[in-house]
Protein backbone atom coordinates (compact mmCIF):
# COMPACT_ATOMS: atom_id res chain seq x y z
CA MET A 1 0.34 0.11 0.12
CA LYS A 2 1.48 3.32 -1.08
CA ILE A 3 0.23 6.56 0.47
CA ILE A 4 0.59 9.46 -2.46
CA ILE A 5 0.07 12.91 -1.65
CA ASP A 6 0.99 15.74 -4.08
CA LYS A 7 3.36 18.35 -3.27
CA LYS A 8 0.80 20.96 -2.84
CA LYS A 9 -1.05 19.21 -0.14
CA LEU A 10 2.31 18.65 1.68
CA SER A 11 3.28 22.23 1.77
CA TYR A 12 -0.12 23.23 2.90
CA ILE A 13 0.37 20.84 5.82
CA LEU A 14 3.78 21.79 6.92
CA LEU A 15 2.55 25.41 6.46
CA SER A 16 -0.22 24.89 8.98
CA VAL A 17 2.00 22.86 11.30
CA THR A 18 4.75 25.70 11.33
CA SER A 19 2.11 28.29 11.77
CA ILE A 20 0.11 26.82 14.67
CA SER A 21 3.75 26.42 16.41
CA ILE A 22 4.60 29.57 15.91
CA ILE A 23 1.20 30.93 17.40
CA ALA A 24 1.55 28.33 20.58
CA TYR A 25 4.97 29.65 20.88
CA THR A 26 3.86 33.32 20.68
CA PHE A 27 0.84 33.04 23.50
CA SER A 28 3.43 31.09 25.77
CA THR A 29 5.64 33.82 25.76
CA ILE A 30 3.15 36.48 26.05
CA PHE A 31 1.64 34.65 29.03
CA SER A 32 5.25 34.03 30.64
CA LEU A 33 5.65 37.66 30.56
CA ASN A 34 2.58 38.49 32.93
CA LYS A 35 3.45 36.17 35.62
CA LYS A 36 4.33 37.79 39.00
CA PRO A 37 7.95 37.98 39.64
CA LYS A 38 9.40 35.18 41.99
CA GLN A 39 8.53 35.31 45.37
CA SER A 40 10.84 34.30 48.42
CA THR A 41 10.33 30.99 49.88
CA ILE A 42 11.34 32.09 53.33
CA GLU A 43 8.85 31.57 55.81
CA GLN A 44 9.49 33.30 59.18
CA PRO A 45 9.42 30.54 62.05
CA GLN A 46 7.85 32.03 65.21
CA ILE A 47 10.91 32.67 67.28
CA LYS A 48 11.19 34.79 70.54
CA LYS A 49 13.47 37.96 69.07
CA ASN A 50 16.07 37.46 71.99
CA GLU A 51 16.86 33.97 70.59
CA TYR A 52 17.71 34.63 67.07
CA LYS A 53 21.42 34.56 65.46
CA PHE A 54 21.02 36.71 62.49
CA LEU A 55 18.61 39.28 61.42
CA VAL A 56 17.98 40.25 57.84
CA LYS A 57 15.94 43.35 57.03
CA GLU A 58 15.35 46.56 54.90
CA ASP A 59 17.12 49.48 56.04
CA SER A 60 17.84 52.30 53.64
CA GLY A 61 16.14 50.82 50.80
CA VAL A 62 18.65 47.83 50.62
CA ILE A 63 18.78 44.48 52.41
CA LYS A 64 21.38 44.05 55.71
CA VAL A 65 21.99 41.32 57.62
CA PHE A 66 22.87 42.07 61.53
CA LYS A 67 24.37 39.79 64.39
CA ASN A 68 21.94 39.26 67.31
CA GLY A 69 22.47 42.71 69.27
CA GLU A 70 24.60 44.43 66.52
CA LYS A 71 23.89 48.09 64.88
CA THR A 72 26.64 47.61 62.28
CA PRO A 73 25.50 45.22 59.41
CA ILE A 74 27.97 42.22 58.84
CA ASN A 75 26.43 42.00 54.98
CA ILE A 76 24.61 44.41 52.74
CA ILE A 77 22.96 43.05 49.36
CA GLU A 78 22.62 45.89 47.21
CA LYS A 79 19.11 44.95 45.86
CA GLU A 80 16.39 47.66 46.12
CA VAL A 81 13.89 46.50 48.27
CA GLU A 82 11.32 48.51 46.27
CA TYR A 83 11.73 46.34 43.55
CA LEU A 84 11.06 43.04 45.06
CA PRO A 85 7.49 41.21 45.67
CA GLU A 86 5.42 43.06 48.05
CA TYR A 87 5.49 39.61 50.17
CA ASP A 88 9.38 39.85 50.50
CA GLN A 89 9.19 43.74 51.30
CA ASN A 90 6.65 43.27 54.09
CA MET A 91 9.39 40.25 55.50
CA LEU A 92 12.16 42.52 55.06
CA LYS A 93 10.23 45.54 56.94
CA ASN A 94 9.44 43.31 59.79
CA GLY A 95 12.91 41.65 60.00
CA ILE A 96 13.67 38.02 58.95
CA TYR A 97 14.69 36.31 62.45
CA LEU A 98 17.29 33.57 61.89
CA TYR A 99 18.71 30.80 64.26
CA ASN A 100 21.68 29.48 62.41
CA THR A 101 24.23 30.17 59.45
CA ASP A 102 22.37 27.62 57.09
CA ASP A 103 19.04 29.40 57.17
CA LEU A 104 20.77 32.73 56.72
CA ASN A 105 22.50 31.33 53.71
CA LYS A 106 19.24 30.09 52.48
CA VAL A 107 17.76 33.85 52.71
CA LEU A 108 20.61 35.36 51.04
CA GLU A 109 20.82 32.93 47.97
CA ASP A 110 16.94 34.09 47.33
CA TYR A 111 17.73 37.87 47.55
CA GLU A 112 21.05 37.66 45.66
CA ASP A 113 19.92 36.54 42.43
């Protein structure tokens, strides 16, 4: 059994498949541009404020890291907080209190991208 397709029909089929692919790609690109910016995955544990080891917070529009009780930051991330998602802005405004260096590194990874 031999299937015979003339060149004109084959051209229409290829053109149709190509057109559908281009339209699908265009829509996927448009909808991906409308996604909200990445939101931090950090959840603030309920801890007593005097038990924390590090505090990450917004100060002068950027992110600063402080050791418990210190007034001088040990790290400054030059990322403008106003351009972060609202959830992250609120977290940093209130301060993210952390117990250990591992948690600090996770937070810093989120904000240093």
